[in-house]
N, C-alpha and C. Protein backbone atom coordinates (compact mmCIF):
# COMPACT_ATOMS: atom_id res chain seq x y z
N MET A 1 2.93 5.74 4.01
CA MET A 1 1.53 5.88 4.29
C MET A 1 1.24 7.37 4.48
N PRO A 2 0.24 7.91 3.82
CA PRO A 2 -0.07 9.33 3.99
C PRO A 2 -0.61 9.61 5.39
N ALA A 3 -0.44 10.84 5.82
CA ALA A 3 -0.92 11.22 7.15
C ALA A 3 -2.43 11.13 7.21
N ARG A 4 -2.93 10.60 8.28
CA ARG A 4 -4.37 10.48 8.51
C ARG A 4 -4.70 11.12 9.84
N GLN A 5 -5.93 11.54 9.98
CA GLN A 5 -6.40 12.10 11.25
C GLN A 5 -6.55 10.97 12.24
N MET A 6 -5.82 11.03 13.31
CA MET A 6 -5.90 9.99 14.33
C MET A 6 -6.93 10.39 15.38
N LEU A 7 -7.01 9.62 16.45
CA LEU A 7 -7.99 9.84 17.51
C LEU A 7 -7.88 11.27 18.04
N MET A 8 -8.99 11.98 18.08
CA MET A 8 -8.98 13.38 18.49
C MET A 8 -9.23 13.54 19.99
N ALA A 9 -9.57 12.47 20.69
CA ALA A 9 -9.79 12.55 22.13
C ALA A 9 -8.47 12.79 22.85
N GLY A 10 -8.52 13.46 23.97
CA GLY A 10 -7.33 13.78 24.74
C GLY A 10 -6.67 12.54 25.33
N PRO A 11 -5.37 12.64 25.65
CA PRO A 11 -4.63 11.47 26.16
C PRO A 11 -5.20 10.90 27.45
N GLU A 12 -5.83 11.70 28.27
CA GLU A 12 -6.38 11.23 29.55
C GLU A 12 -7.86 10.88 29.46
N SER A 13 -8.43 10.94 28.27
CA SER A 13 -9.87 10.70 28.12
C SER A 13 -10.21 9.22 28.23
N PHE A 14 -11.47 8.95 28.50
CA PHE A 14 -11.97 7.58 28.61
C PHE A 14 -11.84 6.86 27.26
N ASN A 15 -12.15 7.57 26.16
CA ASN A 15 -12.06 6.96 24.82
C ASN A 15 -10.63 6.56 24.49
N ASN A 16 -9.67 7.41 24.83
CA ASN A 16 -8.27 7.10 24.56
C ASN A 16 -7.80 5.92 25.39
N SER A 17 -8.28 5.80 26.61
CA SER A 17 -7.85 4.67 27.45
C SER A 17 -8.35 3.34 26.91
N ARG A 18 -9.45 3.34 26.16
CA ARG A 18 -9.99 2.10 25.59
C ARG A 18 -9.56 1.87 24.15
N ALA A 19 -9.06 2.89 23.47
CA ALA A 19 -8.78 2.76 22.03
C ALA A 19 -7.38 3.25 21.70
N GLN A 20 -6.37 2.66 22.30
CA GLN A 20 -4.98 3.05 22.02
C GLN A 20 -4.60 2.80 20.57
N TYR A 21 -5.23 1.82 19.91
CA TYR A 21 -4.92 1.51 18.51
C TYR A 21 -5.12 2.72 17.62
N ALA A 22 -6.01 3.62 17.98
CA ALA A 22 -6.35 4.77 17.14
C ALA A 22 -5.41 5.95 17.35
N THR A 23 -4.35 5.77 18.13
CA THR A 23 -3.41 6.87 18.38
C THR A 23 -2.19 6.82 17.48
N GLN A 24 -1.97 5.71 16.79
CA GLN A 24 -0.82 5.54 15.90
C GLN A 24 -1.29 4.98 14.56
N GLN A 25 -0.54 5.27 13.50
CA GLN A 25 -0.92 4.76 12.17
C GLN A 25 -0.44 3.35 11.92
N MET A 26 0.65 2.94 12.56
CA MET A 26 1.22 1.63 12.29
C MET A 26 1.69 1.00 13.59
N TRP A 27 1.34 -0.28 13.76
CA TRP A 27 1.76 -1.06 14.92
C TRP A 27 2.35 -2.37 14.41
N VAL A 28 3.32 -2.91 15.13
CA VAL A 28 3.88 -4.22 14.82
C VAL A 28 3.92 -5.03 16.10
N THR A 29 3.31 -6.21 16.08
CA THR A 29 3.32 -7.10 17.23
C THR A 29 3.70 -8.50 16.77
N LYS A 30 4.09 -9.32 17.71
CA LYS A 30 4.37 -10.72 17.42
C LYS A 30 3.03 -11.45 17.34
N TYR A 31 2.94 -12.41 16.44
CA TYR A 31 1.69 -13.14 16.26
C TYR A 31 1.36 -13.97 17.49
N HIS A 32 0.09 -13.88 17.92
CA HIS A 32 -0.45 -14.72 18.99
C HIS A 32 -1.86 -15.12 18.58
N ASP A 33 -2.21 -16.37 18.78
CA ASP A 33 -3.58 -16.83 18.51
C ASP A 33 -4.56 -16.01 19.35
N GLY A 34 -5.67 -15.68 18.76
CA GLY A 34 -6.72 -14.96 19.48
C GLY A 34 -6.60 -13.45 19.42
N GLU A 35 -5.49 -12.92 18.95
CA GLU A 35 -5.35 -11.47 18.81
C GLU A 35 -5.79 -11.09 17.40
N LEU A 36 -7.09 -10.89 17.26
CA LEU A 36 -7.67 -10.68 15.95
C LEU A 36 -8.11 -9.24 15.70
N TYR A 37 -8.35 -8.48 16.75
CA TYR A 37 -8.92 -7.15 16.60
C TYR A 37 -7.99 -6.11 17.22
N ALA A 38 -7.70 -5.06 16.50
CA ALA A 38 -6.77 -4.02 16.99
C ALA A 38 -7.24 -3.43 18.31
N ALA A 39 -8.54 -3.29 18.48
CA ALA A 39 -9.08 -2.72 19.71
C ALA A 39 -9.20 -3.76 20.82
N GLY A 40 -8.90 -5.01 20.51
CA GLY A 40 -9.08 -6.08 21.48
C GLY A 40 -10.50 -6.61 21.40
N GLU A 41 -10.77 -7.57 22.24
CA GLU A 41 -12.10 -8.16 22.23
C GLU A 41 -12.97 -7.46 23.27
N PHE A 42 -14.21 -7.22 22.96
CA PHE A 42 -15.19 -6.59 23.85
C PHE A 42 -14.76 -5.18 24.27
N THR A 43 -14.31 -4.38 23.32
CA THR A 43 -13.84 -3.03 23.60
C THR A 43 -14.90 -2.18 24.28
N ASN A 44 -16.12 -2.27 23.84
CA ASN A 44 -17.18 -1.43 24.40
C ASN A 44 -17.55 -1.83 25.82
N GLN A 45 -17.13 -3.00 26.26
CA GLN A 45 -17.46 -3.45 27.61
C GLN A 45 -16.30 -3.27 28.59
N SER A 46 -15.20 -2.72 28.11
CA SER A 46 -14.03 -2.59 28.98
C SER A 46 -13.84 -1.14 29.42
N HIS A 47 -13.08 -0.98 30.50
CA HIS A 47 -12.74 0.37 30.97
C HIS A 47 -11.32 0.74 30.56
N ASN A 48 -10.53 -0.25 30.14
CA ASN A 48 -9.15 -0.02 29.71
C ASN A 48 -8.93 -0.70 28.37
N ASP A 49 -7.80 -0.38 27.76
CA ASP A 49 -7.45 -0.97 26.47
C ASP A 49 -7.23 -2.48 26.62
N THR A 50 -7.74 -3.23 25.66
CA THR A 50 -7.54 -4.69 25.66
C THR A 50 -6.88 -5.15 24.37
N GLY A 51 -6.35 -4.21 23.58
CA GLY A 51 -5.81 -4.56 22.27
C GLY A 51 -4.37 -4.13 22.10
N LEU A 52 -4.11 -3.41 21.02
CA LEU A 52 -2.74 -3.06 20.64
C LEU A 52 -1.97 -2.29 21.71
N GLY A 53 -2.63 -1.47 22.47
CA GLY A 53 -1.95 -0.73 23.52
C GLY A 53 -1.32 -1.66 24.55
N VAL A 54 -1.99 -2.76 24.84
CA VAL A 54 -1.48 -3.76 25.79
C VAL A 54 -0.47 -4.68 25.10
N TRP A 55 -0.79 -5.14 23.91
CA TRP A 55 0.07 -6.11 23.21
C TRP A 55 1.43 -5.50 22.85
N SER A 56 1.45 -4.22 22.52
CA SER A 56 2.72 -3.60 22.11
C SER A 56 3.66 -3.36 23.28
N LYS A 57 3.15 -3.41 24.51
CA LYS A 57 4.00 -3.20 25.68
C LYS A 57 4.70 -4.47 26.14
N ARG A 58 4.36 -5.61 25.53
CA ARG A 58 5.06 -6.85 25.89
C ARG A 58 6.50 -6.75 25.39
N ASP A 59 7.40 -7.31 26.11
CA ASP A 59 8.82 -7.26 25.74
C ASP A 59 9.12 -8.45 24.82
N GLU A 60 8.67 -8.35 23.57
CA GLU A 60 8.85 -9.44 22.61
C GLU A 60 9.61 -8.93 21.39
N VAL A 61 10.53 -9.74 20.90
CA VAL A 61 11.29 -9.40 19.70
C VAL A 61 10.49 -9.87 18.49
N VAL A 62 10.26 -8.98 17.55
CA VAL A 62 9.50 -9.34 16.35
C VAL A 62 10.40 -9.67 15.17
N ARG A 63 11.68 -9.34 15.27
CA ARG A 63 12.61 -9.64 14.18
C ARG A 63 12.79 -11.15 14.08
N ASP A 64 12.81 -11.66 12.84
CA ASP A 64 12.96 -13.09 12.56
C ASP A 64 11.90 -13.93 13.26
N SER A 65 10.71 -13.37 13.38
CA SER A 65 9.59 -14.11 13.96
C SER A 65 8.40 -14.01 13.01
N ASP A 66 7.23 -14.20 13.51
CA ASP A 66 6.01 -14.11 12.70
C ASP A 66 5.28 -12.83 13.10
N PRO A 67 5.70 -11.66 12.55
CA PRO A 67 5.10 -10.40 12.99
C PRO A 67 3.74 -10.14 12.34
N VAL A 68 2.98 -9.31 13.00
CA VAL A 68 1.70 -8.84 12.47
C VAL A 68 1.81 -7.32 12.36
N VAL A 69 1.54 -6.78 11.19
CA VAL A 69 1.56 -5.34 10.98
C VAL A 69 0.12 -4.85 10.98
N TRP A 70 -0.16 -3.94 11.87
CA TRP A 70 -1.51 -3.38 12.01
C TRP A 70 -1.48 -1.96 11.46
N ALA A 71 -2.31 -1.67 10.50
CA ALA A 71 -2.42 -0.31 9.94
C ALA A 71 -3.74 0.30 10.39
N THR A 72 -3.68 1.51 10.90
CA THR A 72 -4.89 2.20 11.35
C THR A 72 -5.24 3.27 10.33
N LEU A 73 -6.40 3.16 9.74
CA LEU A 73 -6.89 4.16 8.79
C LEU A 73 -8.04 4.90 9.43
N ALA A 74 -7.89 6.18 9.58
CA ALA A 74 -8.93 6.99 10.19
C ALA A 74 -9.76 7.66 9.09
N PHE A 75 -11.02 7.74 9.29
CA PHE A 75 -11.93 8.35 8.33
C PHE A 75 -12.25 9.76 8.79
N THR A 76 -11.89 10.74 8.01
CA THR A 76 -12.27 12.12 8.26
C THR A 76 -13.10 12.56 7.07
N HIS A 77 -14.40 12.59 7.27
CA HIS A 77 -15.32 12.87 6.17
C HIS A 77 -15.56 14.37 6.07
N ILE A 78 -15.22 14.94 4.93
CA ILE A 78 -15.52 16.33 4.63
C ILE A 78 -16.79 16.32 3.79
N PRO A 79 -17.91 16.77 4.34
CA PRO A 79 -19.19 16.66 3.62
C PRO A 79 -19.21 17.46 2.32
N ARG A 80 -19.85 16.86 1.31
CA ARG A 80 -20.08 17.49 0.02
C ARG A 80 -21.56 17.35 -0.33
N PRO A 81 -22.11 18.25 -1.13
CA PRO A 81 -23.53 18.12 -1.52
C PRO A 81 -23.81 16.78 -2.22
N GLU A 82 -22.81 16.25 -2.94
CA GLU A 82 -23.01 14.99 -3.67
C GLU A 82 -23.15 13.79 -2.73
N ASP A 83 -22.77 13.95 -1.47
CA ASP A 83 -22.83 12.85 -0.52
C ASP A 83 -24.21 12.69 0.12
N PHE A 84 -25.14 13.61 -0.14
CA PHE A 84 -26.45 13.52 0.48
C PHE A 84 -27.37 12.63 -0.34
N PRO A 85 -28.12 11.75 0.20
CA PRO A 85 -28.27 11.41 1.62
C PRO A 85 -27.26 10.34 2.08
N VAL A 86 -26.52 9.73 1.15
CA VAL A 86 -25.58 8.67 1.52
C VAL A 86 -24.23 8.96 0.87
N MET A 87 -23.17 8.84 1.66
CA MET A 87 -21.82 9.02 1.11
C MET A 87 -21.50 7.83 0.22
N PRO A 88 -21.24 8.05 -1.08
CA PRO A 88 -21.09 6.92 -2.01
C PRO A 88 -19.78 6.14 -1.85
N VAL A 89 -18.68 6.83 -1.53
CA VAL A 89 -17.40 6.12 -1.48
C VAL A 89 -16.38 6.92 -0.68
N GLU A 90 -15.50 6.22 -0.02
CA GLU A 90 -14.34 6.82 0.63
C GLU A 90 -13.18 5.89 0.33
N ILE A 91 -12.14 6.40 -0.30
CA ILE A 91 -11.02 5.56 -0.72
C ILE A 91 -9.87 5.69 0.27
N HIS A 92 -9.37 4.56 0.72
CA HIS A 92 -8.20 4.51 1.59
C HIS A 92 -7.22 3.53 0.99
N GLU A 93 -5.97 3.91 0.93
CA GLU A 93 -4.95 3.06 0.33
C GLU A 93 -3.79 2.88 1.29
N ILE A 94 -3.15 1.72 1.19
CA ILE A 94 -1.94 1.45 1.94
C ILE A 94 -0.88 1.06 0.93
N HIS A 95 0.25 1.75 0.96
CA HIS A 95 1.37 1.41 0.10
C HIS A 95 2.51 0.91 0.98
N VAL A 96 2.87 -0.34 0.81
CA VAL A 96 3.99 -0.89 1.56
C VAL A 96 5.18 -0.90 0.61
N VAL A 97 6.17 -0.07 0.91
CA VAL A 97 7.33 0.10 0.05
C VAL A 97 8.58 -0.23 0.85
N PRO A 98 9.40 -1.16 0.38
CA PRO A 98 10.61 -1.49 1.14
C PRO A 98 11.61 -0.35 1.10
N PHE A 99 12.35 -0.23 2.18
CA PHE A 99 13.39 0.78 2.26
C PHE A 99 14.60 0.15 2.92
N GLY A 100 15.74 0.22 2.26
CA GLY A 100 16.96 -0.36 2.81
C GLY A 100 17.00 -1.88 2.72
N PHE A 101 16.22 -2.46 1.82
CA PHE A 101 16.16 -3.91 1.67
C PHE A 101 17.44 -4.43 1.03
N PHE A 102 17.98 -3.67 0.07
CA PHE A 102 19.22 -4.02 -0.61
C PHE A 102 20.29 -2.98 -0.30
N ASP A 103 21.55 -3.39 -0.41
CA ASP A 103 22.66 -2.45 -0.25
C ASP A 103 22.84 -1.58 -1.49
N LYS A 104 22.48 -2.13 -2.66
CA LYS A 104 22.56 -1.40 -3.92
C LYS A 104 21.45 -1.91 -4.84
N ASN A 105 21.23 -1.25 -5.94
CA ASN A 105 20.18 -1.62 -6.88
C ASN A 105 20.56 -2.94 -7.57
N PRO A 106 19.78 -4.02 -7.36
CA PRO A 106 20.12 -5.30 -7.97
C PRO A 106 19.97 -5.31 -9.49
N ALA A 107 19.23 -4.38 -10.05
CA ALA A 107 19.04 -4.34 -11.50
C ALA A 107 20.29 -3.86 -12.23
N LEU A 108 21.24 -3.26 -11.52
CA LEU A 108 22.44 -2.76 -12.17
C LEU A 108 23.40 -3.88 -12.57
N ASP A 109 23.25 -5.08 -12.02
CA ASP A 109 24.13 -6.21 -12.32
C ASP A 109 23.58 -7.15 -13.38
N ILE A 110 22.48 -6.79 -14.01
CA ILE A 110 21.87 -7.66 -15.01
C ILE A 110 22.65 -7.54 -16.31
N PRO A 111 23.08 -8.67 -16.90
CA PRO A 111 23.83 -8.59 -18.16
C PRO A 111 22.94 -8.09 -19.30
N GLN A 112 23.57 -7.46 -20.28
CA GLN A 112 22.84 -6.93 -21.41
C GLN A 112 22.24 -8.07 -22.22
N SER A 113 21.03 -7.88 -22.71
CA SER A 113 20.35 -8.91 -23.48
C SER A 113 20.94 -9.01 -24.88
N ASN A 114 21.03 -10.23 -25.41
CA ASN A 114 21.51 -10.40 -26.78
C ASN A 114 20.39 -10.83 -27.72
N ASN A 115 19.16 -10.91 -27.21
CA ASN A 115 17.96 -11.25 -27.99
C ASN A 115 18.06 -12.61 -28.67
N SER A 116 18.88 -13.51 -28.17
CA SER A 116 19.01 -14.84 -28.80
C SER A 116 17.76 -15.68 -28.58
N PHE A 117 16.99 -15.42 -27.54
CA PHE A 117 15.82 -16.24 -27.25
C PHE A 117 14.66 -15.97 -28.20
N ASN A 118 14.58 -14.76 -28.78
CA ASN A 118 13.46 -14.46 -29.68
C ASN A 118 13.89 -14.08 -31.09
N GLN A 119 15.19 -14.11 -31.37
CA GLN A 119 15.74 -13.85 -32.70
C GLN A 119 15.37 -12.45 -33.22
N SER A 120 15.12 -11.50 -32.34
CA SER A 120 14.76 -10.16 -32.80
C SER A 120 16.01 -9.41 -33.27
N VAL A 121 15.79 -8.55 -34.24
CA VAL A 121 16.88 -7.74 -34.78
C VAL A 121 16.41 -6.29 -34.85
N TYR A 122 17.35 -5.37 -34.93
CA TYR A 122 17.02 -3.96 -35.02
C TYR A 122 16.60 -3.63 -36.44
N PHE A 123 15.46 -2.94 -36.61
CA PHE A 123 14.98 -2.51 -37.91
C PHE A 123 14.99 -1.00 -37.93
N GLU A 124 15.75 -0.43 -38.84
CA GLU A 124 15.82 1.01 -38.91
C GLU A 124 14.53 1.54 -39.50
N ASP A 125 13.79 2.27 -38.71
CA ASP A 125 12.47 2.77 -39.11
C ASP A 125 12.63 4.16 -39.71
N SER A 126 12.34 4.28 -40.98
CA SER A 126 12.37 5.59 -41.62
C SER A 126 11.21 5.67 -42.60
N LYS A 127 10.71 6.87 -42.82
CA LYS A 127 9.56 7.05 -43.69
C LYS A 127 9.88 6.63 -45.12
N LYS A 128 11.10 6.85 -45.56
CA LYS A 128 11.47 6.51 -46.93
C LYS A 128 11.39 5.00 -47.13
N SER A 129 11.98 4.22 -46.25
CA SER A 129 11.96 2.77 -46.43
C SER A 129 10.58 2.20 -46.19
N THR A 130 9.80 2.78 -45.27
CA THR A 130 8.47 2.28 -44.97
C THR A 130 7.53 2.52 -46.14
N SER A 131 7.55 3.71 -46.72
CA SER A 131 6.62 4.02 -47.80
C SER A 131 6.93 3.21 -49.05
N SER A 132 8.20 2.91 -49.31
CA SER A 132 8.53 2.14 -50.51
C SER A 132 8.17 0.67 -50.33
N VAL A 133 8.17 0.16 -49.11
CA VAL A 133 7.88 -1.25 -48.88
C VAL A 133 6.39 -1.50 -48.79
N THR A 134 5.64 -0.66 -48.07
CA THR A 134 4.23 -0.95 -47.80
C THR A 134 3.28 -0.07 -48.58
N GLY A 135 3.76 0.78 -49.41
CA GLY A 135 2.87 1.61 -50.19
C GLY A 135 2.38 2.83 -49.43
N GLY A 136 3.07 3.27 -48.39
CA GLY A 136 2.72 4.52 -47.73
C GLY A 136 2.37 4.38 -46.27
N ALA A 137 1.68 3.35 -45.88
CA ALA A 137 1.29 3.21 -44.48
C ALA A 137 2.01 2.04 -43.84
N CYS A 138 2.50 2.25 -42.70
CA CYS A 138 3.20 1.19 -41.98
C CYS A 138 2.23 0.08 -41.62
N CYS A 139 2.64 -1.14 -41.80
CA CYS A 139 1.87 -2.32 -41.40
C CYS A 139 0.56 -2.46 -42.16
N SER A 140 0.47 -1.96 -43.36
CA SER A 140 -0.75 -2.06 -44.14
C SER A 140 -0.39 -2.29 -45.59
N SER A 141 -1.17 -3.10 -46.28
CA SER A 141 -0.90 -3.33 -47.69
C SER A 141 -1.56 -2.27 -48.55
N LYS A 142 -2.48 -1.49 -47.97
CA LYS A 142 -3.15 -0.41 -48.71
C LYS A 142 -2.54 0.91 -48.34
N SER A 143 -2.64 1.87 -49.20
CA SER A 143 -2.11 3.20 -48.89
C SER A 143 -3.00 3.89 -47.87
N ALA A 144 -2.42 4.84 -47.15
CA ALA A 144 -3.15 5.57 -46.12
C ALA A 144 -4.24 6.42 -46.73
N LEU A 145 -5.35 6.55 -46.04
CA LEU A 145 -6.48 7.34 -46.53
C LEU A 145 -6.27 8.81 -46.28
């Protein structure tokens, strides 16, 4: 995941105490019914965090369970003249790429194909043989213009 601008409020600020989810790019918690929002429920009405900051402090093992991966994407808008009066688009992407999933590349053990399923054969492509067979242009019964 590319680096994103996270919460700019100080660690002791009121905003940081209510929005711990915005301090990290990735969180993993164990699934629980009712935990639907990274900021928790009723964030604007609370004085403390009610979401990921609290849920991540539980002593729960997420391995071999039903984990939830929370990705935090922060928007840092750099104004451009083309964005006036409305910003047309902001693109955010998440790439989940496995690392260390296999001990070695599983594609290295694939046997070589013998093309028996489609009966394909190697055709030596050369201009001499192509021009004498098709009259000059490959895959055409007419000569090239």
